[in-house]
Amino acid sequence: MKKSSTIFLQAVVVLIGIVTLTLMLWEPNIEGRNAHATLFEVYFHDPFLAYVYVTSISFFVALYQIFKVLGYIGQNKTSSPQTLKALQGIKYCAISLIGFILAADVYIVISASRHQDDSAGAIAVSLGLMFISAIIATAAALFERNLQRRI
């Protein structure tokens, strides 16, 4: 793979991280129930929002691991133990994201049933995110297996 291609893909990964972080910090301020709340009320009175921020750590670690893998590819170190370790990290981060999202779904369903709310939209989005995470975990596991055979 050309060096310019890996640099472009690394820039895309950084851009994804910046956009995600920006949306995570901006969206709670415009949400319906938080539209007129102070910053303290938005960030410290919503346990679900805190859970989302803790869960996002796994997402950002996975982005960092992807950035590292692309760096190794740019240096022609695709068959190195460092690349294998980064692929394992991506796989574990994707699996942990599935677990975190599943726990959030349980919370959403329980909370919605108490307040007679409709949770179908949130569950649909979370199922999509779990599917994407499963695809990433599977791809990372396949790349990891192929790399282990070469090493």
N, C-alpha and C. Protein backbone atom coordinates (compact mmCIF):
# COMPACT_ATOMS: atom_id res chain seq x y z
N MET A 1 0.85 -1.17 0.00
CA MET A 1 0.00 0.00 0.00
C MET A 1 0.90 1.23 0.00
N LYS A 2 0.51 2.22 -0.77
CA LYS A 2 1.32 3.43 -0.88
C LYS A 2 1.28 4.21 0.43
N LYS A 3 2.37 4.93 0.68
CA LYS A 3 2.47 5.73 1.89
C LYS A 3 1.40 6.81 1.92
N SER A 4 1.09 7.39 0.75
CA SER A 4 0.07 8.44 0.71
C SER A 4 -1.31 7.89 1.07
N SER A 5 -1.58 6.65 0.69
CA SER A 5 -2.87 6.04 1.03
C SER A 5 -3.01 5.82 2.52
N THR A 6 -1.95 5.36 3.16
CA THR A 6 -2.02 5.14 4.61
C THR A 6 -2.13 6.46 5.36
N ILE A 7 -1.44 7.48 4.88
CA ILE A 7 -1.56 8.79 5.52
C ILE A 7 -2.97 9.33 5.36
N PHE A 8 -3.56 9.15 4.18
CA PHE A 8 -4.95 9.58 3.98
C PHE A 8 -5.89 8.84 4.92
N LEU A 9 -5.72 7.51 5.05
CA LEU A 9 -6.59 6.72 5.94
C LEU A 9 -6.38 7.11 7.40
N GLN A 10 -5.15 7.42 7.78
CA GLN A 10 -4.90 7.90 9.14
C GLN A 10 -5.60 9.24 9.38
N ALA A 11 -5.59 10.11 8.37
CA ALA A 11 -6.28 11.39 8.50
C ALA A 11 -7.79 11.17 8.64
N VAL A 12 -8.32 10.19 7.92
CA VAL A 12 -9.76 9.88 8.04
C VAL A 12 -10.07 9.38 9.45
N VAL A 13 -9.21 8.53 10.00
CA VAL A 13 -9.42 8.03 11.36
C VAL A 13 -9.39 9.17 12.37
N VAL A 14 -8.45 10.09 12.22
CA VAL A 14 -8.38 11.25 13.11
C VAL A 14 -9.63 12.11 12.95
N LEU A 15 -10.08 12.31 11.74
CA LEU A 15 -11.29 13.09 11.49
C LEU A 15 -12.52 12.43 12.12
N ILE A 16 -12.62 11.11 12.02
CA ILE A 16 -13.73 10.39 12.66
C ILE A 16 -13.70 10.62 14.17
N GLY A 17 -12.51 10.56 14.76
CA GLY A 17 -12.39 10.80 16.20
C GLY A 17 -12.78 12.21 16.59
N ILE A 18 -12.35 13.19 15.82
CA ILE A 18 -12.68 14.58 16.13
C ILE A 18 -14.17 14.84 16.00
N VAL A 19 -14.77 14.34 14.93
CA VAL A 19 -16.21 14.53 14.72
C VAL A 19 -17.01 13.84 15.82
N THR A 20 -16.61 12.63 16.18
CA THR A 20 -17.32 11.90 17.24
C THR A 20 -17.23 12.63 18.57
N LEU A 21 -16.04 13.08 18.92
CA LEU A 21 -15.88 13.81 20.18
C LEU A 21 -16.66 15.11 20.18
N THR A 22 -16.67 15.81 19.07
CA THR A 22 -17.43 17.06 18.96
C THR A 22 -18.92 16.80 19.14
N LEU A 23 -19.44 15.77 18.47
CA LEU A 23 -20.86 15.44 18.61
C LEU A 23 -21.21 15.01 20.02
N MET A 24 -20.30 14.27 20.66
CA MET A 24 -20.56 13.83 22.03
C MET A 24 -20.62 14.99 23.01
N LEU A 25 -19.84 16.02 22.77
CA LEU A 25 -19.85 17.17 23.66
C LEU A 25 -20.95 18.17 23.31
N TRP A 26 -21.36 18.21 22.05
CA TRP A 26 -22.34 19.21 21.61
C TRP A 26 -23.78 18.72 21.74
N GLU A 27 -24.05 17.47 21.41
CA GLU A 27 -25.41 16.96 21.36
C GLU A 27 -26.17 17.04 22.69
N PRO A 28 -25.57 16.71 23.83
CA PRO A 28 -26.34 16.77 25.08
C PRO A 28 -26.88 18.17 25.39
N ASN A 29 -26.24 19.20 24.90
CA ASN A 29 -26.69 20.57 25.17
C ASN A 29 -27.94 20.94 24.40
N ILE A 30 -28.22 20.25 23.29
CA ILE A 30 -29.39 20.60 22.49
C ILE A 30 -30.50 19.56 22.60
N GLU A 31 -30.25 18.52 23.38
CA GLU A 31 -31.26 17.49 23.58
C GLU A 31 -32.50 18.12 24.23
N GLY A 32 -33.66 17.57 23.97
CA GLY A 32 -34.93 18.13 24.42
C GLY A 32 -34.98 18.51 25.88
N ARG A 33 -34.66 17.58 26.78
CA ARG A 33 -34.78 17.88 28.20
C ARG A 33 -33.62 18.71 28.73
N ASN A 34 -32.54 18.80 27.99
CA ASN A 34 -31.38 19.58 28.43
C ASN A 34 -31.26 20.92 27.71
N ALA A 35 -32.24 21.30 26.93
CA ALA A 35 -32.14 22.51 26.11
C ALA A 35 -31.89 23.75 26.94
N HIS A 36 -32.47 23.82 28.11
CA HIS A 36 -32.32 25.02 28.94
C HIS A 36 -31.59 24.73 30.25
N ALA A 37 -30.90 23.63 30.32
CA ALA A 37 -30.18 23.25 31.53
C ALA A 37 -28.78 23.85 31.53
N THR A 38 -28.21 23.98 32.71
CA THR A 38 -26.83 24.44 32.82
C THR A 38 -25.90 23.29 32.47
N LEU A 39 -24.63 23.60 32.23
CA LEU A 39 -23.67 22.55 31.91
C LEU A 39 -23.54 21.54 33.03
N PHE A 40 -23.61 22.02 34.28
CA PHE A 40 -23.53 21.10 35.42
C PHE A 40 -24.69 20.12 35.41
N GLU A 41 -25.90 20.63 35.16
CA GLU A 41 -27.07 19.76 35.12
C GLU A 41 -27.00 18.76 33.97
N VAL A 42 -26.48 19.21 32.84
CA VAL A 42 -26.40 18.33 31.67
C VAL A 42 -25.45 17.17 31.94
N TYR A 43 -24.27 17.47 32.45
CA TYR A 43 -23.22 16.46 32.54
C TYR A 43 -23.17 15.70 33.86
N PHE A 44 -23.78 16.21 34.92
CA PHE A 44 -23.66 15.54 36.20
C PHE A 44 -24.97 15.01 36.76
N HIS A 45 -26.09 15.24 36.09
CA HIS A 45 -27.37 14.72 36.58
C HIS A 45 -27.95 13.64 35.68
N ASP A 46 -27.19 13.19 34.73
CA ASP A 46 -27.67 12.17 33.80
C ASP A 46 -26.72 10.97 33.84
N PRO A 47 -27.08 9.92 34.58
CA PRO A 47 -26.17 8.77 34.67
C PRO A 47 -25.97 8.06 33.32
N PHE A 48 -26.98 8.11 32.46
CA PHE A 48 -26.84 7.46 31.16
C PHE A 48 -25.79 8.16 30.31
N LEU A 49 -25.75 9.48 30.40
CA LEU A 49 -24.75 10.24 29.65
C LEU A 49 -23.34 9.91 30.15
N ALA A 50 -23.19 9.76 31.44
CA ALA A 50 -21.90 9.35 32.00
C ALA A 50 -21.51 7.97 31.49
N TYR A 51 -22.50 7.08 31.40
CA TYR A 51 -22.25 5.73 30.89
C TYR A 51 -21.80 5.78 29.44
N VAL A 52 -22.41 6.66 28.65
CA VAL A 52 -22.03 6.80 27.24
C VAL A 52 -20.58 7.27 27.13
N TYR A 53 -20.19 8.21 27.98
CA TYR A 53 -18.81 8.71 27.94
C TYR A 53 -17.81 7.63 28.36
N VAL A 54 -18.15 6.83 29.34
CA VAL A 54 -17.27 5.73 29.75
C VAL A 54 -17.17 4.70 28.62
N THR A 55 -18.28 4.41 27.98
CA THR A 55 -18.29 3.47 26.87
C THR A 55 -17.46 3.97 25.69
N SER A 56 -17.47 5.28 25.49
CA SER A 56 -16.74 5.84 24.35
C SER A 56 -15.23 5.65 24.47
N ILE A 57 -14.74 5.39 25.65
CA ILE A 57 -13.31 5.14 25.82
C ILE A 57 -12.89 3.95 24.95
N SER A 58 -13.71 2.92 24.94
CA SER A 58 -13.41 1.74 24.12
C SER A 58 -13.39 2.09 22.64
N PHE A 59 -14.31 2.95 22.22
CA PHE A 59 -14.35 3.38 20.82
C PHE A 59 -13.08 4.14 20.44
N PHE A 60 -12.65 5.06 21.30
CA PHE A 60 -11.48 5.86 20.99
C PHE A 60 -10.19 5.04 21.07
N VAL A 61 -10.14 4.05 21.94
CA VAL A 61 -8.99 3.14 21.98
C VAL A 61 -8.92 2.35 20.67
N ALA A 62 -10.08 1.90 20.19
CA ALA A 62 -10.11 1.17 18.91
C ALA A 62 -9.64 2.06 17.76
N LEU A 63 -10.06 3.33 17.76
CA LEU A 63 -9.58 4.25 16.72
C LEU A 63 -8.07 4.41 16.79
N TYR A 64 -7.53 4.51 18.00
CA TYR A 64 -6.09 4.64 18.16
C TYR A 64 -5.38 3.38 17.63
N GLN A 65 -5.94 2.21 17.92
CA GLN A 65 -5.34 0.97 17.44
C GLN A 65 -5.38 0.90 15.91
N ILE A 66 -6.48 1.36 15.32
CA ILE A 66 -6.58 1.40 13.85
C ILE A 66 -5.52 2.34 13.29
N PHE A 67 -5.33 3.49 13.95
CA PHE A 67 -4.31 4.44 13.53
C PHE A 67 -2.92 3.78 13.57
N LYS A 68 -2.65 3.01 14.64
CA LYS A 68 -1.37 2.32 14.76
C LYS A 68 -1.18 1.28 13.66
N VAL A 69 -2.22 0.51 13.37
CA VAL A 69 -2.13 -0.51 12.32
C VAL A 69 -1.81 0.15 10.99
N LEU A 70 -2.49 1.25 10.71
CA LEU A 70 -2.21 1.96 9.46
C LEU A 70 -0.78 2.49 9.43
N GLY A 71 -0.27 2.92 10.57
CA GLY A 71 1.12 3.35 10.65
C GLY A 71 2.08 2.21 10.36
N TYR A 72 1.79 1.03 10.91
CA TYR A 72 2.63 -0.14 10.65
C TYR A 72 2.58 -0.53 9.18
N ILE A 73 1.41 -0.41 8.58
CA ILE A 73 1.28 -0.72 7.15
C ILE A 73 2.11 0.27 6.33
N GLY A 74 2.08 1.54 6.72
CA GLY A 74 2.87 2.55 6.02
C GLY A 74 4.37 2.33 6.15
N GLN A 75 4.80 1.69 7.24
CA GLN A 75 6.22 1.40 7.45
C GLN A 75 6.60 0.01 6.94
N ASN A 76 5.69 -0.66 6.24
CA ASN A 76 5.89 -2.03 5.75
C ASN A 76 6.20 -3.02 6.86
N LYS A 77 5.52 -2.85 8.00
CA LYS A 77 5.66 -3.77 9.14
C LYS A 77 4.35 -4.52 9.35
N THR A 78 3.76 -4.99 8.26
CA THR A 78 2.46 -5.65 8.40
C THR A 78 2.57 -7.00 9.08
N SER A 79 3.70 -7.65 9.00
CA SER A 79 3.87 -8.97 9.61
C SER A 79 4.66 -8.89 10.90
N SER A 80 4.38 -7.89 11.71
CA SER A 80 5.11 -7.72 12.95
C SER A 80 4.22 -8.05 14.15
N PRO A 81 4.82 -8.39 15.27
CA PRO A 81 4.03 -8.66 16.48
C PRO A 81 3.25 -7.42 16.96
N GLN A 82 3.76 -6.22 16.67
CA GLN A 82 3.04 -5.00 17.07
C GLN A 82 1.71 -4.89 16.32
N THR A 83 1.72 -5.26 15.04
CA THR A 83 0.49 -5.24 14.26
C THR A 83 -0.50 -6.26 14.80
N LEU A 84 0.00 -7.43 15.16
CA LEU A 84 -0.86 -8.47 15.73
C LEU A 84 -1.49 -7.99 17.03
N LYS A 85 -0.70 -7.35 17.87
CA LYS A 85 -1.22 -6.85 19.16
C LYS A 85 -2.27 -5.75 18.94
N ALA A 86 -2.03 -4.89 17.95
CA ALA A 86 -3.01 -3.83 17.66
C ALA A 86 -4.31 -4.42 17.13
N LEU A 87 -4.22 -5.45 16.29
CA LEU A 87 -5.43 -6.10 15.79
C LEU A 87 -6.21 -6.77 16.91
N GLN A 88 -5.49 -7.37 17.85
CA GLN A 88 -6.16 -7.95 19.02
C GLN A 88 -6.87 -6.86 19.83
N GLY A 89 -6.22 -5.72 19.96
CA GLY A 89 -6.84 -4.60 20.68
C GLY A 89 -8.12 -4.12 20.00
N ILE A 90 -8.09 -4.05 18.67
CA ILE A 90 -9.29 -3.65 17.92
C ILE A 90 -10.41 -4.65 18.17
N LYS A 91 -10.07 -5.93 18.11
CA LYS A 91 -11.08 -6.98 18.32
C LYS A 91 -11.69 -6.88 19.71
N TYR A 92 -10.85 -6.73 20.73
CA TYR A 92 -11.36 -6.66 22.10
C TYR A 92 -12.18 -5.39 22.34
N CYS A 93 -11.77 -4.29 21.74
CA CYS A 93 -12.55 -3.05 21.87
C CYS A 93 -13.92 -3.20 21.22
N ALA A 94 -13.98 -3.83 20.05
CA ALA A 94 -15.27 -4.03 19.38
C ALA A 94 -16.17 -4.95 20.19
N ILE A 95 -15.60 -5.99 20.77
CA ILE A 95 -16.40 -6.90 21.60
C ILE A 95 -16.89 -6.19 22.85
N SER A 96 -16.04 -5.38 23.46
CA SER A 96 -16.49 -4.65 24.66
C SER A 96 -17.56 -3.63 24.31
N LEU A 97 -17.47 -3.02 23.13
CA LEU A 97 -18.53 -2.10 22.71
C LEU A 97 -19.86 -2.82 22.58
N ILE A 98 -19.85 -4.02 22.06
CA ILE A 98 -21.08 -4.80 21.96
C ILE A 98 -21.67 -5.02 23.35
N GLY A 99 -20.83 -5.38 24.30
CA GLY A 99 -21.30 -5.60 25.67
C GLY A 99 -21.85 -4.32 26.30
N PHE A 100 -21.15 -3.21 26.12
CA PHE A 100 -21.61 -1.94 26.68
C PHE A 100 -22.95 -1.52 26.06
N ILE A 101 -23.07 -1.69 24.75
CA ILE A 101 -24.31 -1.30 24.08
C ILE A 101 -25.46 -2.21 24.51
N LEU A 102 -25.18 -3.49 24.69
CA LEU A 102 -26.21 -4.41 25.16
C LEU A 102 -26.68 -4.03 26.56
N ALA A 103 -25.76 -3.66 27.44
CA ALA A 103 -26.13 -3.21 28.79
C ALA A 103 -26.96 -1.92 28.72
N ALA A 104 -26.61 -1.02 27.82
CA ALA A 104 -27.38 0.21 27.65
C ALA A 104 -28.79 -0.11 27.15
N ASP A 105 -28.91 -1.10 26.27
CA ASP A 105 -30.24 -1.51 25.80
C ASP A 105 -31.11 -2.02 26.95
N VAL A 106 -30.52 -2.80 27.82
CA VAL A 106 -31.26 -3.30 28.98
C VAL A 106 -31.74 -2.12 29.83
N TYR A 107 -30.87 -1.15 30.05
CA TYR A 107 -31.24 0.03 30.82
C TYR A 107 -32.37 0.81 30.13
N ILE A 108 -32.26 0.97 28.83
CA ILE A 108 -33.28 1.71 28.07
C ILE A 108 -34.63 1.01 28.14
N VAL A 109 -34.63 -0.31 27.98
CA VAL A 109 -35.89 -1.06 28.02
C VAL A 109 -36.52 -0.97 29.41
N ILE A 110 -35.72 -1.14 30.45
CA ILE A 110 -36.26 -1.05 31.82
C ILE A 110 -36.77 0.35 32.11
N SER A 111 -36.01 1.35 31.73
CA SER A 111 -36.42 2.74 31.95
C SER A 111 -37.67 3.09 31.16
N ALA A 112 -37.76 2.62 29.93
CA ALA A 112 -38.93 2.91 29.10
C ALA A 112 -40.18 2.23 29.63
N SER A 113 -40.01 1.03 30.15
CA SER A 113 -41.19 0.33 30.67
C SER A 113 -41.72 1.00 31.94
N ARG A 114 -40.85 1.59 32.73
CA ARG A 114 -41.28 2.30 33.94
C ARG A 114 -42.05 3.57 33.61
N HIS A 115 -41.61 4.28 32.56
CA HIS A 115 -42.20 5.58 32.22
C HIS A 115 -43.17 5.51 31.06
N GLN A 116 -43.53 4.31 30.63
CA GLN A 116 -44.46 4.11 29.52
C GLN A 116 -43.97 4.79 28.25
N ASP A 117 -42.66 4.75 27.99
CA ASP A 117 -42.08 5.35 26.80
C ASP A 117 -41.87 4.30 25.71
N ASP A 118 -41.62 4.78 24.52
CA ASP A 118 -41.32 3.92 23.39
C ASP A 118 -39.82 3.88 23.19
N SER A 119 -39.23 2.71 23.27
CA SER A 119 -37.77 2.60 23.15
C SER A 119 -37.34 2.01 21.82
N ALA A 120 -38.26 1.87 20.88
CA ALA A 120 -37.94 1.19 19.62
C ALA A 120 -36.85 1.89 18.83
N GLY A 121 -36.87 3.21 18.77
CA GLY A 121 -35.85 3.94 18.01
C GLY A 121 -34.46 3.76 18.58
N ALA A 122 -34.35 3.88 19.90
CA ALA A 122 -33.05 3.71 20.55
C ALA A 122 -32.54 2.28 20.39
N ILE A 123 -33.43 1.31 20.48
CA ILE A 123 -33.03 -0.09 20.33
C ILE A 123 -32.58 -0.35 18.89
N ALA A 124 -33.26 0.24 17.92
CA ALA A 124 -32.88 0.05 16.51
C ALA A 124 -31.49 0.62 16.24
N VAL A 125 -31.23 1.80 16.77
CA VAL A 125 -29.90 2.41 16.59
C VAL A 125 -28.83 1.56 17.26
N SER A 126 -29.12 1.09 18.46
CA SER A 126 -28.12 0.29 19.17
C SER A 126 -27.89 -1.06 18.49
N LEU A 127 -28.92 -1.64 17.90
CA LEU A 127 -28.71 -2.88 17.16
C LEU A 127 -27.82 -2.65 15.94
N GLY A 128 -28.00 -1.52 15.29
CA GLY A 128 -27.13 -1.17 14.17
C GLY A 128 -25.68 -0.99 14.62
N LEU A 129 -25.48 -0.33 15.75
CA LEU A 129 -24.13 -0.14 16.27
C LEU A 129 -23.50 -1.46 16.70
N MET A 130 -24.31 -2.36 17.28
CA MET A 130 -23.78 -3.68 17.65
C MET A 130 -23.41 -4.48 16.40
N PHE A 131 -24.20 -4.36 15.35
CA PHE A 131 -23.90 -5.06 14.10
C PHE A 131 -22.59 -4.56 13.50
N ILE A 132 -22.40 -3.24 13.49
CA ILE A 132 -21.16 -2.67 12.98
C ILE A 132 -19.97 -3.12 13.83
N SER A 133 -20.13 -3.12 15.15
CA SER A 133 -19.06 -3.58 16.03
C SER A 133 -18.75 -5.05 15.80
N ALA A 134 -19.77 -5.86 15.55
CA ALA A 134 -19.54 -7.28 15.28
C ALA A 134 -18.78 -7.48 13.98
N ILE A 135 -19.10 -6.68 12.98
CA ILE A 135 -18.36 -6.76 11.71
C ILE A 135 -16.90 -6.39 11.92
N ILE A 136 -16.65 -5.33 12.68
CA ILE A 136 -15.27 -4.90 12.94
C ILE A 136 -14.52 -5.96 13.74
N ALA A 137 -15.17 -6.55 14.75
CA ALA A 137 -14.52 -7.60 15.54
C ALA A 137 -14.20 -8.81 14.68
N THR A 138 -15.12 -9.17 13.80
CA THR A 138 -14.90 -10.32 12.91
C THR A 138 -13.76 -10.05 11.93
N ALA A 139 -13.75 -8.86 11.34
CA ALA A 139 -12.67 -8.51 10.41
C ALA A 139 -11.32 -8.49 11.12
N ALA A 140 -11.28 -7.92 12.30
CA ALA A 140 -10.02 -7.88 13.05
C ALA A 140 -9.56 -9.29 13.41
N ALA A 141 -10.50 -10.17 13.77
CA ALA A 141 -10.14 -11.56 14.10
C ALA A 141 -9.61 -12.29 12.87
N LEU A 142 -10.23 -12.05 11.71
CA LEU A 142 -9.74 -12.70 10.48
C LEU A 142 -8.35 -12.20 10.10
N PHE A 143 -8.14 -10.88 10.17
CA PHE A 143 -6.82 -10.34 9.88
C PHE A 143 -5.79 -10.86 10.88
N GLU A 144 -6.20 -10.96 12.14
CA GLU A 144 -5.30 -11.47 13.18
C GLU A 144 -4.91 -12.92 12.89
N ARG A 145 -5.88 -13.75 12.51
CA ARG A 145 -5.60 -15.15 12.21
C ARG A 145 -4.66 -15.28 11.02
N ASN A 146 -4.92 -14.50 9.97
CA ASN A 146 -4.05 -14.54 8.80
C ASN A 146 -2.63 -14.08 9.14
N LEU A 147 -2.53 -13.07 9.97
CA LEU A 147 -1.22 -12.57 10.38
C LEU A 147 -0.48 -13.57 11.24
N GLN A 148 -1.21 -14.27 12.11
CA GLN A 148 -0.56 -15.31 12.93
C GLN A 148 -0.01 -16.44 12.07
N ARG A 149 -0.72 -16.77 11.00
CA ARG A 149 -0.20 -17.81 10.10
C ARG A 149 1.08 -17.38 9.41
N ARG A 150 1.16 -16.08 9.05
CA ARG A 150 2.37 -15.59 8.39
C ARG A 150 3.55 -15.49 9.33
N ILE A 151 3.26 -15.18 10.58
CA ILE A 151 4.35 -15.03 11.56
C ILE A 151 4.74 -16.39 12.03
